[in-house]
Amino acid sequence: MQHDEVIWQVIRHNHCSFMAKIETGIFCRNPYNVTGICNRSSCPLANSRYATIRDHDGVFYLYMKTIERAHMPNKLWERVKLPRNYEKALEIIDKHLMYWPKLLVHKTKQRLTKMTQMRIRMRKLALKTREKIMTTPRKEKKREARREEKAEKAAVLDRSIENELLERLKKGVYGDIYNYPVDEYNKILDKEVGKEAVSEEEDEEEAEIEYVEGYEELEEEDIEDFGGLTMREANMDDNNVGMEDDDEGIIAVERKRRNLSAGKLGKEEPGAKLKKKAKVLVEVEHEDANERQTAVF
């Protein structure tokens, strides 16, 4: 048989796992405690007739315990769901705790009031935008900073060692090295060849060659002058022929000489064929006979 006074004496003076002693007082961590204070009237273990209110995902429930169910721990607490309306919830509490102690009924209603106010404040805070406070991982930052310093030192050391080895290799300190890494050697050669190629390209830059039309500035009068030269040559040939009418043999010899000279020039200068020769009409008149001979040059 359950005896409340014996249970309270053992819990209070010996040991209780829900008790929390601090400077301001002694509190209880039991979720069924109606006030949160460790005393005789508020202890859910030392009272066979007890009532409280609990919250499950925003829904309030009225929990009641009676001595008739003390021998059934799985059915010890009777649970009643409370509506969201505060006044209706108070009516249900009055209905189920009609013949219970007035102090316990008052504490239960007071707990309902506090939990209702807390739910309203939670909803208001959820609607407001608040800054999220986050802790700074100091250990991780220090660890990363140390790793960065070590990596920088290692990189500087590797570069200095590489430069020193290259200088020694150029000076011929090691002589003939046959086990030198091929990849590194090829990289160095590529760098040297690239530098030489860039210097040669800068030195051997040639001037750009452009082709421009040269007869844009010539006028029609200049072209007519070239035609006038050909006509003057033709007139001079006519005068010479008139003076040598008496000697036909001399004319024939001059023709052959001109033909031979023109053939030689054609063989020596292949570009001369492209030039058009001016046709000259020569007429020869004899005094004895009224005959005229024409020749075309």
Protein backbone atom coordinates (compact mmCIF):
# COMPACT_ATOMS: atom_id res chain seq x y z
CA MET A 1 0.00 0.00 0.00
CA GLN A 2 1.27 3.48 -0.95
CA HIS A 3 2.14 5.84 1.88
CA ASP A 4 2.77 9.45 0.79
CA GLU A 5 4.51 10.61 3.96
CA VAL A 6 7.08 7.81 3.90
CA ILE A 7 7.85 8.50 0.24
CA TRP A 8 8.34 12.21 0.96
CA GLN A 9 10.70 11.58 3.88
CA VAL A 10 12.87 9.28 1.76
CA ILE A 11 12.94 11.66 -1.23
CA ARG A 12 13.51 14.81 0.75
CA HIS A 13 16.14 13.68 3.25
CA ASN A 14 17.93 10.86 1.42
CA HIS A 15 18.05 11.10 -2.40
CA CYS A 16 15.92 12.26 -5.33
CA SER A 17 17.13 12.21 -8.95
CA PHE A 18 14.76 15.08 -9.92
CA MET A 19 15.99 17.46 -7.19
CA ALA A 20 18.11 20.49 -8.26
CA LYS A 21 19.68 22.58 -5.50
CA ILE A 22 20.85 26.06 -6.47
CA GLU A 23 21.51 29.32 -4.59
CA THR A 24 17.98 30.67 -5.00
CA GLY A 25 16.26 27.49 -3.85
CA ILE A 26 15.48 23.82 -4.44
CA PHE A 27 13.74 23.01 -7.72
CA CYS A 28 12.27 19.85 -9.30
CA ARG A 29 13.04 18.57 -12.83
CA ASN A 30 10.10 16.18 -12.97
CA PRO A 31 7.94 17.05 -16.05
CA TYR A 32 4.73 16.33 -14.09
CA ASN A 33 5.50 18.92 -11.38
CA VAL A 34 2.82 21.62 -11.49
CA THR A 35 4.96 24.44 -10.02
CA GLY A 36 8.59 23.33 -10.58
CA ILE A 37 9.43 23.73 -6.87
CA CYS A 38 10.49 20.82 -4.69
CA ASN A 39 8.05 20.82 -1.71
CA ARG A 40 5.51 18.52 -0.14
CA SER A 41 2.40 19.82 -1.91
CA SER A 42 4.00 20.07 -5.37
CA CYS A 43 5.83 16.74 -5.49
CA PRO A 44 4.18 14.37 -8.02
CA LEU A 45 5.80 11.30 -6.40
CA ALA A 46 4.74 11.95 -2.78
CA ASN A 47 1.06 12.76 -3.67
CA SER A 48 -1.27 9.90 -4.65
CA ARG A 49 -3.88 12.40 -5.91
CA TYR A 50 -2.29 14.84 -8.31
CA ALA A 51 -3.14 16.93 -11.41
CA THR A 52 -1.00 18.92 -13.87
CA ILE A 53 -0.91 20.27 -17.46
CA ARG A 54 1.58 19.26 -20.16
CA ASP A 55 2.28 20.47 -23.68
CA HIS A 56 2.59 18.09 -26.67
CA ASP A 57 3.45 19.89 -29.96
CA GLY A 58 1.43 22.99 -29.06
CA VAL A 59 -1.55 21.07 -27.67
CA PHE A 60 -2.32 21.20 -23.93
CA TYR A 61 -3.45 18.12 -21.98
CA LEU A 62 -4.78 17.79 -18.44
CA TYR A 63 -3.11 14.92 -16.56
CA MET A 64 -4.78 13.45 -13.45
CA LYS A 65 -3.55 10.73 -11.07
CA THR A 66 -5.66 8.87 -8.45
CA ILE A 67 -4.82 6.29 -5.81
CA GLU A 68 -7.18 3.75 -7.40
CA ARG A 69 -4.72 3.31 -10.30
CA ALA A 70 -1.57 3.18 -8.17
CA HIS A 71 -1.22 -0.58 -8.77
CA MET A 72 -1.22 -0.05 -12.61
CA PRO A 73 1.80 2.07 -13.60
CA ASN A 74 0.91 1.89 -17.32
CA LYS A 75 -2.51 3.46 -16.60
CA LEU A 76 -1.50 5.71 -13.74
CA TRP A 77 -2.22 9.05 -15.48
CA GLU A 78 -5.54 10.00 -17.08
CA ARG A 79 -5.17 12.48 -19.96
CA VAL A 80 -7.77 14.97 -21.23
CA LYS A 81 -7.22 17.21 -24.28
CA LEU A 82 -7.86 20.90 -23.69
CA PRO A 83 -9.21 23.23 -26.44
CA ARG A 84 -7.30 26.27 -27.68
CA ASN A 85 -9.87 28.64 -26.24
CA TYR A 86 -8.66 29.69 -22.81
CA GLU A 87 -12.12 30.04 -21.25
CA LYS A 88 -13.29 26.64 -22.46
CA ALA A 89 -10.10 25.06 -21.13
CA LEU A 90 -10.81 26.55 -17.70
CA GLU A 91 -14.34 25.13 -17.79
CA ILE A 92 -13.01 21.64 -18.53
CA ILE A 93 -10.53 21.93 -15.64
CA ASP A 94 -13.36 22.94 -13.27
CA LYS A 95 -15.46 20.05 -14.51
CA HIS A 96 -12.82 17.33 -14.00
CA LEU A 97 -11.39 18.77 -10.75
CA MET A 98 -14.68 19.63 -9.10
CA TYR A 99 -14.01 17.79 -5.80
CA TRP A 100 -10.24 18.13 -5.72
CA PRO A 101 -8.27 20.33 -3.29
CA LYS A 102 -8.68 24.03 -4.04
CA LEU A 103 -4.93 24.69 -3.87
CA LEU A 104 -4.22 22.04 -6.52
CA VAL A 105 -7.00 23.38 -8.77
CA HIS A 106 -5.60 26.92 -8.45
CA LYS A 107 -2.04 25.77 -9.26
CA THR A 108 -3.32 23.88 -12.30
CA LYS A 109 -5.20 26.93 -13.64
CA GLN A 110 -2.16 29.10 -12.96
CA ARG A 111 0.02 26.69 -14.97
CA LEU A 112 -2.48 26.81 -17.84
CA THR A 113 -2.34 30.63 -17.83
CA LYS A 114 1.44 30.71 -17.91
CA MET A 115 1.64 28.16 -20.72
CA THR A 116 -0.99 30.04 -22.77
CA GLN A 117 0.95 33.30 -22.45
CA MET A 118 4.15 31.50 -23.40
CA ARG A 119 2.50 30.09 -26.54
CA ILE A 120 1.31 33.57 -27.58
CA ARG A 121 4.81 35.01 -27.15
CA MET A 122 6.31 32.17 -29.17
CA ARG A 123 3.96 32.89 -32.08
CA LYS A 124 4.82 36.60 -32.02
CA LEU A 125 8.54 35.90 -31.96
CA ALA A 126 8.21 33.45 -34.85
CA LEU A 127 6.65 36.18 -37.02
CA LYS A 128 9.44 38.65 -36.29
CA THR A 129 12.76 38.54 -38.13
CA ARG A 130 15.57 38.13 -35.66
CA GLU A 131 19.29 37.82 -36.07
CA LYS A 132 20.60 34.34 -35.66
CA ILE A 133 23.43 34.13 -33.17
CA MET A 134 26.10 31.62 -34.11
CA THR A 135 29.22 30.61 -32.28
CA THR A 136 32.57 31.12 -33.94
CA PRO A 137 34.66 27.94 -34.16
CA ARG A 138 37.88 29.25 -32.66
CA LYS A 139 39.68 25.91 -32.71
CA GLU A 140 38.97 25.36 -36.40
CA LYS A 141 40.14 28.89 -37.29
CA LYS A 142 43.39 28.44 -35.36
CA ARG A 143 43.94 25.06 -36.98
CA GLU A 144 43.41 26.47 -40.50
CA ALA A 145 45.72 29.41 -39.79
CA ARG A 146 48.49 27.08 -38.64
CA ARG A 147 48.04 24.93 -41.75
CA GLU A 148 48.24 27.98 -44.03
CA GLU A 149 51.47 29.15 -42.37
CA LYS A 150 53.03 25.70 -42.74
CA ALA A 151 51.99 25.49 -46.40
CA GLU A 152 53.48 28.92 -47.17
CA LYS A 153 56.75 28.03 -45.49
CA ALA A 154 56.93 24.72 -47.36
CA ALA A 155 56.25 26.46 -50.70
CA VAL A 156 58.97 29.06 -50.10
CA LEU A 157 61.43 26.34 -49.05
CA ASP A 158 60.69 24.21 -52.14
CA ARG A 159 61.21 27.21 -54.45
CA SER A 160 64.48 28.18 -52.81
CA ILE A 161 65.77 24.60 -53.03
CA GLU A 162 64.75 24.35 -56.68
CA ASN A 163 66.47 27.63 -57.58
CA GLU A 164 69.64 26.61 -55.72
CA LEU A 165 69.78 23.25 -57.48
CA LEU A 166 69.25 24.89 -60.87
CA GLU A 167 72.08 27.32 -60.24
CA ARG A 168 74.41 24.51 -59.20
CA LEU A 169 73.39 22.46 -62.24
CA LYS A 170 74.17 25.40 -64.55
CA LYS A 171 77.55 25.95 -62.90
CA GLY A 172 78.40 22.26 -63.35
CA VAL A 173 78.88 21.46 -59.68
CA TYR A 174 77.39 17.99 -59.99
CA GLY A 175 78.97 17.12 -63.33
CA ASP A 176 77.09 14.56 -65.42
CA ILE A 177 73.86 13.57 -63.64
CA TYR A 178 72.17 10.56 -65.18
CA ASN A 179 69.40 9.98 -62.67
CA TYR A 180 67.91 13.51 -62.88
CA PRO A 181 64.06 13.47 -63.15
CA VAL A 182 63.07 13.61 -66.81
CA ASP A 183 59.88 15.63 -66.30
CA GLU A 184 61.61 18.38 -64.36
CA TYR A 185 64.44 18.51 -66.86
CA ASN A 186 61.99 18.87 -69.76
CA LYS A 187 60.15 21.68 -67.94
CA ILE A 188 63.39 23.60 -67.49
CA LEU A 189 64.33 23.09 -71.13
CA ASP A 190 60.90 24.30 -72.26
CA LYS A 191 61.28 27.45 -70.16
CA GLU A 192 64.73 28.19 -71.61
CA VAL A 193 63.60 27.52 -75.19
CA GLY A 194 60.54 29.73 -74.69
CA LYS A 195 62.68 32.61 -73.47
CA GLU A 196 65.07 32.28 -76.44
CA ALA A 197 62.20 32.08 -78.92
CA VAL A 198 60.62 35.23 -77.53
CA SER A 199 63.93 37.12 -77.74
CA GLU A 200 64.54 35.95 -81.33
CA GLU A 201 61.05 36.97 -82.40
CA GLU A 202 61.58 40.42 -80.97
CA ASP A 203 64.92 40.80 -82.78
CA GLU A 204 63.80 39.40 -86.13
CA GLU A 205 60.70 41.46 -86.56
CA GLU A 206 60.56 42.48 -90.25
CA ALA A 207 58.80 45.47 -91.74
CA GLU A 208 55.45 44.68 -93.26
CA ILE A 209 55.29 44.71 -97.07
CA GLU A 210 52.30 46.34 -98.74
CA TYR A 211 51.34 46.52 -102.39
CA VAL A 212 49.82 49.84 -103.57
CA GLU A 213 48.49 50.87 -106.98
CA GLY A 214 50.96 53.32 -108.58
CA TYR A 215 48.88 54.86 -111.39
CA GLU A 216 46.17 56.47 -109.33
CA GLU A 217 47.64 59.97 -109.65
CA LEU A 218 48.23 59.84 -113.41
CA GLU A 219 45.93 62.04 -115.49
CA GLU A 220 44.57 61.61 -119.01
CA GLU A 221 47.01 64.21 -120.39
CA ASP A 222 50.00 62.09 -119.32
CA ILE A 223 48.53 59.07 -121.10
CA GLU A 224 48.04 61.19 -124.28
CA ASP A 225 51.71 62.22 -124.06
CA PHE A 226 52.73 58.57 -124.29
CA GLY A 227 50.58 58.24 -127.44
CA GLY A 228 52.13 61.39 -128.92
CA LEU A 229 55.63 59.93 -128.56
CA THR A 230 54.73 56.96 -130.74
CA MET A 231 53.22 59.21 -133.40
CA ARG A 232 56.37 61.39 -133.48
CA GLU A 233 58.56 58.36 -134.01
CA ALA A 234 56.36 57.34 -136.92
CA ASN A 235 56.68 60.76 -138.57
CA MET A 236 60.45 60.75 -138.20
CA ASP A 237 60.59 57.35 -139.92
CA ASP A 238 58.54 58.74 -142.82
CA ASN A 239 60.99 61.61 -143.34
CA ASN A 240 63.96 59.29 -143.31
CA VAL A 241 62.33 57.06 -145.87
CA GLY A 242 61.63 60.05 -148.18
CA MET A 243 65.30 61.03 -148.13
CA GLU A 244 66.45 57.52 -149.05
CA ASP A 245 64.03 56.82 -151.86
CA ASP A 246 66.78 56.50 -154.43
CA ASP A 247 68.50 53.59 -152.75
CA GLU A 248 66.19 50.59 -152.25
CA GLY A 249 68.99 48.36 -151.13
CA ILE A 250 69.84 50.55 -148.21
CA ILE A 251 66.20 50.41 -147.07
CA ALA A 252 66.17 46.62 -147.20
CA VAL A 253 69.39 46.40 -145.17
CA GLU A 254 67.95 48.74 -142.52
CA ARG A 255 64.81 46.62 -142.28
CA LYS A 256 66.79 43.42 -141.72
CA ARG A 257 68.96 45.11 -139.11
CA ARG A 258 65.90 46.32 -137.25
CA ASN A 259 64.30 42.91 -137.36
CA LEU A 260 67.46 41.25 -136.03
CA SER A 261 67.81 43.78 -133.22
CA ALA A 262 64.14 43.37 -132.29
CA GLY A 263 64.53 39.56 -132.17
CA LYS A 264 67.55 39.80 -129.90
CA LEU A 265 65.75 42.17 -127.57
CA GLY A 266 62.78 39.81 -127.46
CA LYS A 267 65.00 36.90 -126.48
CA GLU A 268 66.93 38.87 -123.87
CA GLU A 269 63.91 40.61 -122.37
CA PRO A 270 60.87 38.33 -122.02
CA GLY A 271 58.84 41.22 -120.67
CA ALA A 272 59.29 43.12 -123.90
CA LYS A 273 56.72 40.92 -125.69
CA LEU A 274 54.03 42.36 -123.52
CA LYS A 275 54.61 45.87 -125.01
CA LYS A 276 52.67 46.64 -128.20
CA LYS A 277 54.70 47.86 -131.18
CA ALA A 278 53.47 50.91 -133.08
CA LYS A 279 52.60 50.08 -136.70
CA VAL A 280 54.32 52.43 -139.20
CA LEU A 281 53.12 52.70 -142.83
CA VAL A 282 55.97 53.52 -145.26
CA GLU A 283 55.41 54.40 -148.95
CA VAL A 284 58.26 54.39 -151.52
CA GLU A 285 57.83 56.21 -154.87
CA HIS A 286 60.20 55.84 -157.82
CA GLU A 287 60.83 58.69 -160.24
CA ASP A 288 61.12 56.56 -163.39
CA ALA A 289 57.98 54.53 -162.92
CA ASN A 290 54.76 55.56 -161.35
CA GLU A 291 54.78 52.72 -158.87
CA ARG A 292 54.36 52.86 -155.18
CA GLN A 293 55.48 50.24 -152.71
CA THR A 294 54.07 50.10 -149.19
CA ALA A 295 55.76 48.51 -146.20
CA VAL A 296 54.41 48.09 -142.69
CA PHE A 297 56.75 48.10 -139.68
